[in-house]
Amino acid sequence: MARIKLVLNERRLAYQGALKLAQQEAEVVESNADKEVLEFQKKLQREAASNVPPSSKTEETASP
């Protein structure tokens, strides 16, 4: 009976350790994904800013 308890305890501890590692890995992956999304959004904003057409006021003043 003592050996069974020992094995069950070892398996429980191994399972808990595996859960902690999986959670840590998920957090790292999530933070990397957040960084990638942020960089993509910044890139889109820069592209949008560089493709802004001239304001309509300059067109109105140019016409008679």
PDB file of N, CA and C in Angstrom:
ATOM      1  N   MET A   1       0.820  -1.188   0.000  1.00  0.00           N
ATOM      2  CA  MET A   1       0.000   0.000   0.000  1.00  0.00           C
ATOM      3  C   MET A   1       0.871   1.262   0.000  1.00  0.00           C
ATOM      4  N   ALA A   2       1.984   1.223   0.713  1.00  0.00           N
ATOM      5  CA  ALA A   2       2.871   2.374   0.785  1.00  0.00           C
ATOM      6  C   ALA A   2       3.476   2.668  -0.589  1.00  0.00           C
ATOM      7  N   ARG A   3       3.815   1.647  -1.337  1.00  0.00           N
ATOM      8  CA  ARG A   3       4.374   1.846  -2.683  1.00  0.00           C
ATOM      9  C   ARG A   3       3.334   2.453  -3.617  1.00  0.00           C
ATOM     10  N   ILE A   4       2.099   2.024  -3.493  1.00  0.00           N
ATOM     11  CA  ILE A   4       1.040   2.592  -4.327  1.00  0.00           C
ATOM     12  C   ILE A   4       0.878   4.076  -4.024  1.00  0.00           C
ATOM     13  N   LYS A   5       0.888   4.426  -2.741  1.00  0.00           N
ATOM     14  CA  LYS A   5       0.776   5.834  -2.363  1.00  0.00           C
ATOM     15  C   LYS A   5       1.954   6.643  -2.906  1.00  0.00           C
ATOM     16  N   LEU A   6       3.142   6.055  -2.836  1.00  0.00           N
ATOM     17  CA  LEU A   6       4.340   6.727  -3.326  1.00  0.00           C
ATOM     18  C   LEU A   6       4.227   6.994  -4.825  1.00  0.00           C
ATOM     19  N   VAL A   7       3.802   6.006  -5.580  1.00  0.00           N
ATOM     20  CA  VAL A   7       3.670   6.159  -7.030  1.00  0.00           C
ATOM     21  C   VAL A   7       2.597   7.188  -7.371  1.00  0.00           C
ATOM     22  N   LEU A   8       1.470   7.108  -6.685  1.00  0.00           N
ATOM     23  CA  LEU A   8       0.405   8.076  -6.935  1.00  0.00           C
ATOM     24  C   LEU A   8       0.855   9.499  -6.609  1.00  0.00           C
ATOM     25  N   ASN A   9       1.596   9.664  -5.530  1.00  0.00           N
ATOM     26  CA  ASN A   9       2.093  10.980  -5.155  1.00  0.00           C
ATOM     27  C   ASN A   9       3.080  11.496  -6.201  1.00  0.00           C
ATOM     28  N   GLU A  10       3.971  10.633  -6.672  1.00  0.00           N
ATOM     29  CA  GLU A  10       4.925  11.040  -7.700  1.00  0.00           C
ATOM     30  C   GLU A  10       4.199  11.472  -8.976  1.00  0.00           C
ATOM     31  N   ARG A  11       3.190  10.726  -9.354  1.00  0.00           N
ATOM     32  CA  ARG A  11       2.430  11.069 -10.565  1.00  0.00           C
ATOM     33  C   ARG A  11       1.667  12.374 -10.382  1.00  0.00           C
ATOM     34  N   ARG A  12       1.127  12.585  -9.198  1.00  0.00           N
ATOM     35  CA  ARG A  12       0.414  13.835  -8.922  1.00  0.00           C
ATOM     36  C   ARG A  12       1.358  15.023  -9.023  1.00  0.00           C
ATOM     37  N   LEU A  13       2.537  14.880  -8.423  1.00  0.00           N
ATOM     38  CA  LEU A  13       3.516  15.964  -8.468  1.00  0.00           C
ATOM     39  C   LEU A  13       3.994  16.217  -9.900  1.00  0.00           C
ATOM     40  N   ALA A  14       4.190  15.161 -10.658  1.00  0.00           N
ATOM     41  CA  ALA A  14       4.609  15.311 -12.056  1.00  0.00           C
ATOM     42  C   ALA A  14       3.522  16.021 -12.866  1.00  0.00           C
ATOM     43  N   TYR A  15       2.276  15.657 -12.616  1.00  0.00           N
ATOM     44  CA  TYR A  15       1.151  16.282 -13.324  1.00  0.00           C
ATOM     45  C   TYR A  15       1.069  17.765 -12.990  1.00  0.00           C
ATOM     46  N   GLN A  16       1.199  18.117 -11.715  1.00  0.00           N
ATOM     47  CA  GLN A  16       1.143  19.523 -11.310  1.00  0.00           C
ATOM     48  C   GLN A  16       2.293  20.319 -11.925  1.00  0.00           C
ATOM     49  N   GLY A  17       3.472  19.703 -11.961  1.00  0.00           N
ATOM     50  CA  GLY A  17       4.607  20.373 -12.580  1.00  0.00           C
ATOM     51  C   GLY A  17       4.391  20.593 -14.068  1.00  0.00           C
ATOM     52  N   ALA A  18       3.811  19.599 -14.725  1.00  0.00           N
ATOM     53  CA  ALA A  18       3.532  19.730 -16.157  1.00  0.00           C
ATOM     54  C   ALA A  18       2.506  20.830 -16.412  1.00  0.00           C
ATOM     55  N   LEU A  19       1.511  20.949 -15.542  1.00  0.00           N
ATOM     56  CA  LEU A  19       0.516  22.019 -15.688  1.00  0.00           C
ATOM     57  C   LEU A  19       1.168  23.396 -15.558  1.00  0.00           C
ATOM     58  N   LYS A  20       2.065  23.544 -14.591  1.00  0.00           N
ATOM     59  CA  LYS A  20       2.748  24.826 -14.407  1.00  0.00           C
ATOM     60  C   LYS A  20       3.579  25.179 -15.640  1.00  0.00           C
ATOM     61  N   LEU A  21       4.302  24.195 -16.170  1.00  0.00           N
ATOM     62  CA  LEU A  21       5.113  24.443 -17.363  1.00  0.00           C
ATOM     63  C   LEU A  21       4.245  24.819 -18.555  1.00  0.00           C
ATOM     64  N   ALA A  22       3.121  24.143 -18.712  1.00  0.00           N
ATOM     65  CA  ALA A  22       2.220  24.450 -19.827  1.00  0.00           C
ATOM     66  C   ALA A  22       1.655  25.857 -19.695  1.00  0.00           C
ATOM     67  N   GLN A  23       1.320  26.278 -18.487  1.00  0.00           N
ATOM     68  CA  GLN A  23       0.792  27.631 -18.269  1.00  0.00           C
ATOM     69  C   GLN A  23       1.855  28.682 -18.578  1.00  0.00           C
ATOM     70  N   GLN A  24       3.080  28.423 -18.146  1.00  0.00           N
ATOM     71  CA  GLN A  24       4.169  29.364 -18.414  1.00  0.00           C
ATOM     72  C   GLN A  24       4.422  29.478 -19.912  1.00  0.00           C
ATOM     73  N   GLU A  25       4.410  28.357 -20.603  1.00  0.00           N
ATOM     74  CA  GLU A  25       4.632  28.366 -22.044  1.00  0.00           C
ATOM     75  C   GLU A  25       3.507  29.119 -22.753  1.00  0.00           C
ATOM     76  N   ALA A  26       2.280  28.922 -22.308  1.00  0.00           N
ATOM     77  CA  ALA A  26       1.144  29.618 -22.909  1.00  0.00           C
ATOM     78  C   ALA A  26       1.271  31.127 -22.709  1.00  0.00           C
ATOM     79  N   GLU A  27       1.750  31.553 -21.556  1.00  0.00           N
ATOM     80  CA  GLU A  27       1.922  32.980 -21.294  1.00  0.00           C
ATOM     81  C   GLU A  27       2.996  33.572 -22.203  1.00  0.00           C
ATOM     82  N   VAL A  28       4.073  32.830 -22.420  1.00  0.00           N
ATOM     83  CA  VAL A  28       5.145  33.306 -23.294  1.00  0.00           C
ATOM     84  C   VAL A  28       4.634  33.425 -24.723  1.00  0.00           C
ATOM     85  N   VAL A  29       3.914  32.424 -25.178  1.00  0.00           N
ATOM     86  CA  VAL A  29       3.367  32.447 -26.532  1.00  0.00           C
ATOM     87  C   VAL A  29       2.387  33.605 -26.678  1.00  0.00           C
ATOM     88  N   GLU A  30       1.562  33.817 -25.664  1.00  0.00           N
ATOM     89  CA  GLU A  30       0.582  34.904 -25.707  1.00  0.00           C
ATOM     90  C   GLU A  30       1.279  36.255 -25.759  1.00  0.00           C
ATOM     91  N   SER A  31       2.324  36.434 -24.961  1.00  0.00           N
ATOM     92  CA  SER A  31       3.013  37.726 -24.956  1.00  0.00           C
ATOM     93  C   SER A  31       3.720  37.960 -26.288  1.00  0.00           C
ATOM     94  N   ASN A  32       4.260  36.903 -26.903  1.00  0.00           N
ATOM     95  CA  ASN A  32       4.887  37.042 -28.212  1.00  0.00           C
ATOM     96  C   ASN A  32       3.842  37.377 -29.261  1.00  0.00           C
ATOM     97  N   ALA A  33       2.672  36.770 -29.165  1.00  0.00           N
ATOM     98  CA  ALA A  33       1.599  37.061 -30.113  1.00  0.00           C
ATOM     99  C   ALA A  33       1.148  38.504 -29.954  1.00  0.00           C
ATOM    100  N   ASP A  34       1.062  38.987 -28.711  1.00  0.00           N
ATOM    101  CA  ASP A  34       0.681  40.377 -28.474  1.00  0.00           C
ATOM    102  C   ASP A  34       1.689  41.328 -29.116  1.00  0.00           C
ATOM    103  N   LYS A  35       2.965  41.010 -28.997  1.00  0.00           N
ATOM    104  CA  LYS A  35       3.997  41.850 -29.598  1.00  0.00           C
ATOM    105  C   LYS A  35       3.869  41.868 -31.113  1.00  0.00           C
ATOM    106  N   GLU A  36       3.596  40.711 -31.710  1.00  0.00           N
ATOM    107  CA  GLU A  36       3.453  40.632 -33.157  1.00  0.00           C
ATOM    108  C   GLU A  36       2.244  41.433 -33.629  1.00  0.00           C
ATOM    109  N   VAL A  37       1.146  41.348 -32.899  1.00  0.00           N
ATOM    110  CA  VAL A  37      -0.059  42.101 -33.259  1.00  0.00           C
ATOM    111  C   VAL A  37       0.207  43.592 -33.148  1.00  0.00           C
ATOM    112  N   LEU A  38       0.884  44.006 -32.089  1.00  0.00           N
ATOM    113  CA  LEU A  38       1.191  45.418 -31.904  1.00  0.00           C
ATOM    114  C   LEU A  38       2.069  45.939 -33.036  1.00  0.00           C
ATOM    115  N   GLU A  39       3.089  45.190 -33.410  1.00  0.00           N
ATOM    116  CA  GLU A  39       3.964  45.604 -34.506  1.00  0.00           C
ATOM    117  C   GLU A  39       3.184  45.702 -35.816  1.00  0.00           C
ATOM    118  N   PHE A  40       2.280  44.762 -36.055  1.00  0.00           N
ATOM    119  CA  PHE A  40       1.471  44.789 -37.270  1.00  0.00           C
ATOM    120  C   PHE A  40       0.574  46.014 -37.289  1.00  0.00           C
ATOM    121  N   GLN A  41      -0.033  46.335 -36.143  1.00  0.00           N
ATOM    122  CA  GLN A  41      -0.900  47.505 -36.065  1.00  0.00           C
ATOM    123  C   GLN A  41      -0.102  48.790 -36.303  1.00  0.00           C
ATOM    124  N   LYS A  42       1.084  48.864 -35.739  1.00  0.00           N
ATOM    125  CA  LYS A  42       1.930  50.037 -35.959  1.00  0.00           C
ATOM    126  C   LYS A  42       2.284  50.178 -37.433  1.00  0.00           C
ATOM    127  N   LYS A  43       2.577  49.052 -38.067  1.00  0.00           N
ATOM    128  CA  LYS A  43       2.922  49.058 -39.487  1.00  0.00           C
ATOM    129  C   LYS A  43       1.744  49.570 -40.312  1.00  0.00           C
ATOM    130  N   LEU A  44       0.534  49.106 -39.995  1.00  0.00           N
ATOM    131  CA  LEU A  44      -0.652  49.562 -40.718  1.00  0.00           C
ATOM    132  C   LEU A  44      -0.880  51.059 -40.522  1.00  0.00           C
ATOM    133  N   GLN A  45      -0.652  51.551 -39.305  1.00  0.00           N
ATOM    134  CA  GLN A  45      -0.831  52.973 -39.033  1.00  0.00           C
ATOM    135  C   GLN A  45       0.176  53.815 -39.817  1.00  0.00           C
ATOM    136  N   ARG A  46       1.412  53.338 -39.882  1.00  0.00           N
ATOM    137  CA  ARG A  46       2.427  54.065 -40.646  1.00  0.00           C
ATOM    138  C   ARG A  46       2.073  54.098 -42.128  1.00  0.00           C
ATOM    139  N   GLU A  47       1.604  52.958 -42.659  1.00  0.00           N
ATOM    140  CA  GLU A  47       1.221  52.904 -44.066  1.00  0.00           C
ATOM    141  C   GLU A  47       0.031  53.810 -44.337  1.00  0.00           C
ATOM    142  N   ALA A  48      -0.940  53.822 -43.429  1.00  0.00           N
ATOM    143  CA  ALA A  48      -2.112  54.671 -43.599  1.00  0.00           C
ATOM    144  C   ALA A  48      -1.714  56.141 -43.540  1.00  0.00           C
ATOM    145  N   ALA A  49      -0.796  56.486 -42.668  1.00  0.00           N
ATOM    146  CA  ALA A  49      -0.358  57.878 -42.541  1.00  0.00           C
ATOM    147  C   ALA A  49       0.393  58.327 -43.783  1.00  0.00           C
ATOM    148  N   SER A  50       1.125  57.438 -44.398  1.00  0.00           N
ATOM    149  CA  SER A  50       1.887  57.822 -45.582  1.00  0.00           C
ATOM    150  C   SER A  50       1.002  57.885 -46.824  1.00  0.00           C
ATOM    151  N   ASN A  51      -0.176  57.271 -46.786  1.00  0.00           N
ATOM    152  CA  ASN A  51      -1.077  57.260 -47.939  1.00  0.00           C
ATOM    153  C   ASN A  51      -2.245  58.226 -47.787  1.00  0.00           C
ATOM    154  N   VAL A  52      -2.137  59.194 -46.892  1.00  0.00           N
ATOM    155  CA  VAL A  52      -3.220  60.156 -46.663  1.00  0.00           C
ATOM    156  C   VAL A  52      -3.276  61.104 -47.858  1.00  0.00           C
ATOM    157  N   PRO A  53      -4.450  61.251 -48.488  1.00  0.00           N
ATOM    158  CA  PRO A  53      -4.554  62.186 -49.619  1.00  0.00           C
ATOM    159  C   PRO A  53      -4.501  63.628 -49.123  1.00  0.00           C
ATOM    160  N   PRO A  54      -4.200  64.558 -50.001  1.00  0.00           N
ATOM    161  CA  PRO A  54      -4.160  65.965 -49.577  1.00  0.00           C
ATOM    162  C   PRO A  54      -5.534  66.398 -49.081  1.00  0.00           C
ATOM    163  N   SER A  55      -5.535  67.362 -48.209  1.00  0.00           N
ATOM    164  CA  SER A  55      -6.813  67.794 -47.627  1.00  0.00           C
ATOM    165  C   SER A  55      -7.679  68.469 -48.688  1.00  0.00           C
ATOM    166  N   SER A  56      -8.974  68.440 -48.469  1.00  0.00           N
ATOM    167  CA  SER A  56      -9.914  69.009 -49.440  1.00  0.00           C
ATOM    168  C   SER A  56      -9.832  70.537 -49.478  1.00  0.00           C
ATOM    169  N   LYS A  57      -9.308  71.149 -48.430  1.00  0.00           N
ATOM    170  CA  LYS A  57      -9.198  72.604 -48.397  1.00  0.00           C
ATOM    171  C   LYS A  57      -8.236  73.108 -49.463  1.00  0.00           C
ATOM    172  N   THR A  58      -7.152  72.418 -49.683  1.00  0.00           N
ATOM    173  CA  THR A  58      -6.193  72.856 -50.691  1.00  0.00           C
ATOM    174  C   THR A  58      -6.809  72.731 -52.081  1.00  0.00           C
ATOM    175  N   GLU A  59      -7.665  71.738 -52.277  1.00  0.00           N
ATOM    176  CA  GLU A  59      -8.317  71.586 -53.576  1.00  0.00           C
ATOM    177  C   GLU A  59      -9.334  72.698 -53.800  1.00  0.00           C
ATOM    178  N   GLU A  60     -10.025  73.111 -52.729  1.00  0.00           N
ATOM    179  CA  GLU A  60     -11.023  74.164 -52.860  1.00  0.00           C
ATOM    180  C   GLU A  60     -10.372  75.511 -53.191  1.00  0.00           C
ATOM    181  N   THR A  61      -9.247  75.807 -52.594  1.00  0.00           N
ATOM    182  CA  THR A  61      -8.581  77.079 -52.840  1.00  0.00           C
ATOM    183  C   THR A  61      -7.955  77.102 -54.221  1.00  0.00           C
ATOM    184  N   ALA A  62      -7.617  75.967 -54.779  1.00  0.00           N
ATOM    185  CA  ALA A  62      -6.999  75.924 -56.091  1.00  0.00           C
ATOM    186  C   ALA A  62      -8.021  76.151 -57.203  1.00  0.00           C
ATOM    187  N   SER A  63      -9.276  75.825 -56.968  1.00  0.00           N
ATOM    188  CA  SER A  63     -10.291  76.006 -58.000  1.00  0.00           C
ATOM    189  C   SER A  63     -10.839  77.437 -57.971  1.00  0.00           C
ATOM    190  N   PRO A  64     -11.252  77.975 -59.135  1.00  0.00           N
ATOM    191  CA  PRO A  64     -11.717  79.371 -59.185  1.00  0.00           C
ATOM    192  C   PRO A  64     -13.026  79.601 -58.580  1.00  0.00           C
TER     193      PRO A  64
END
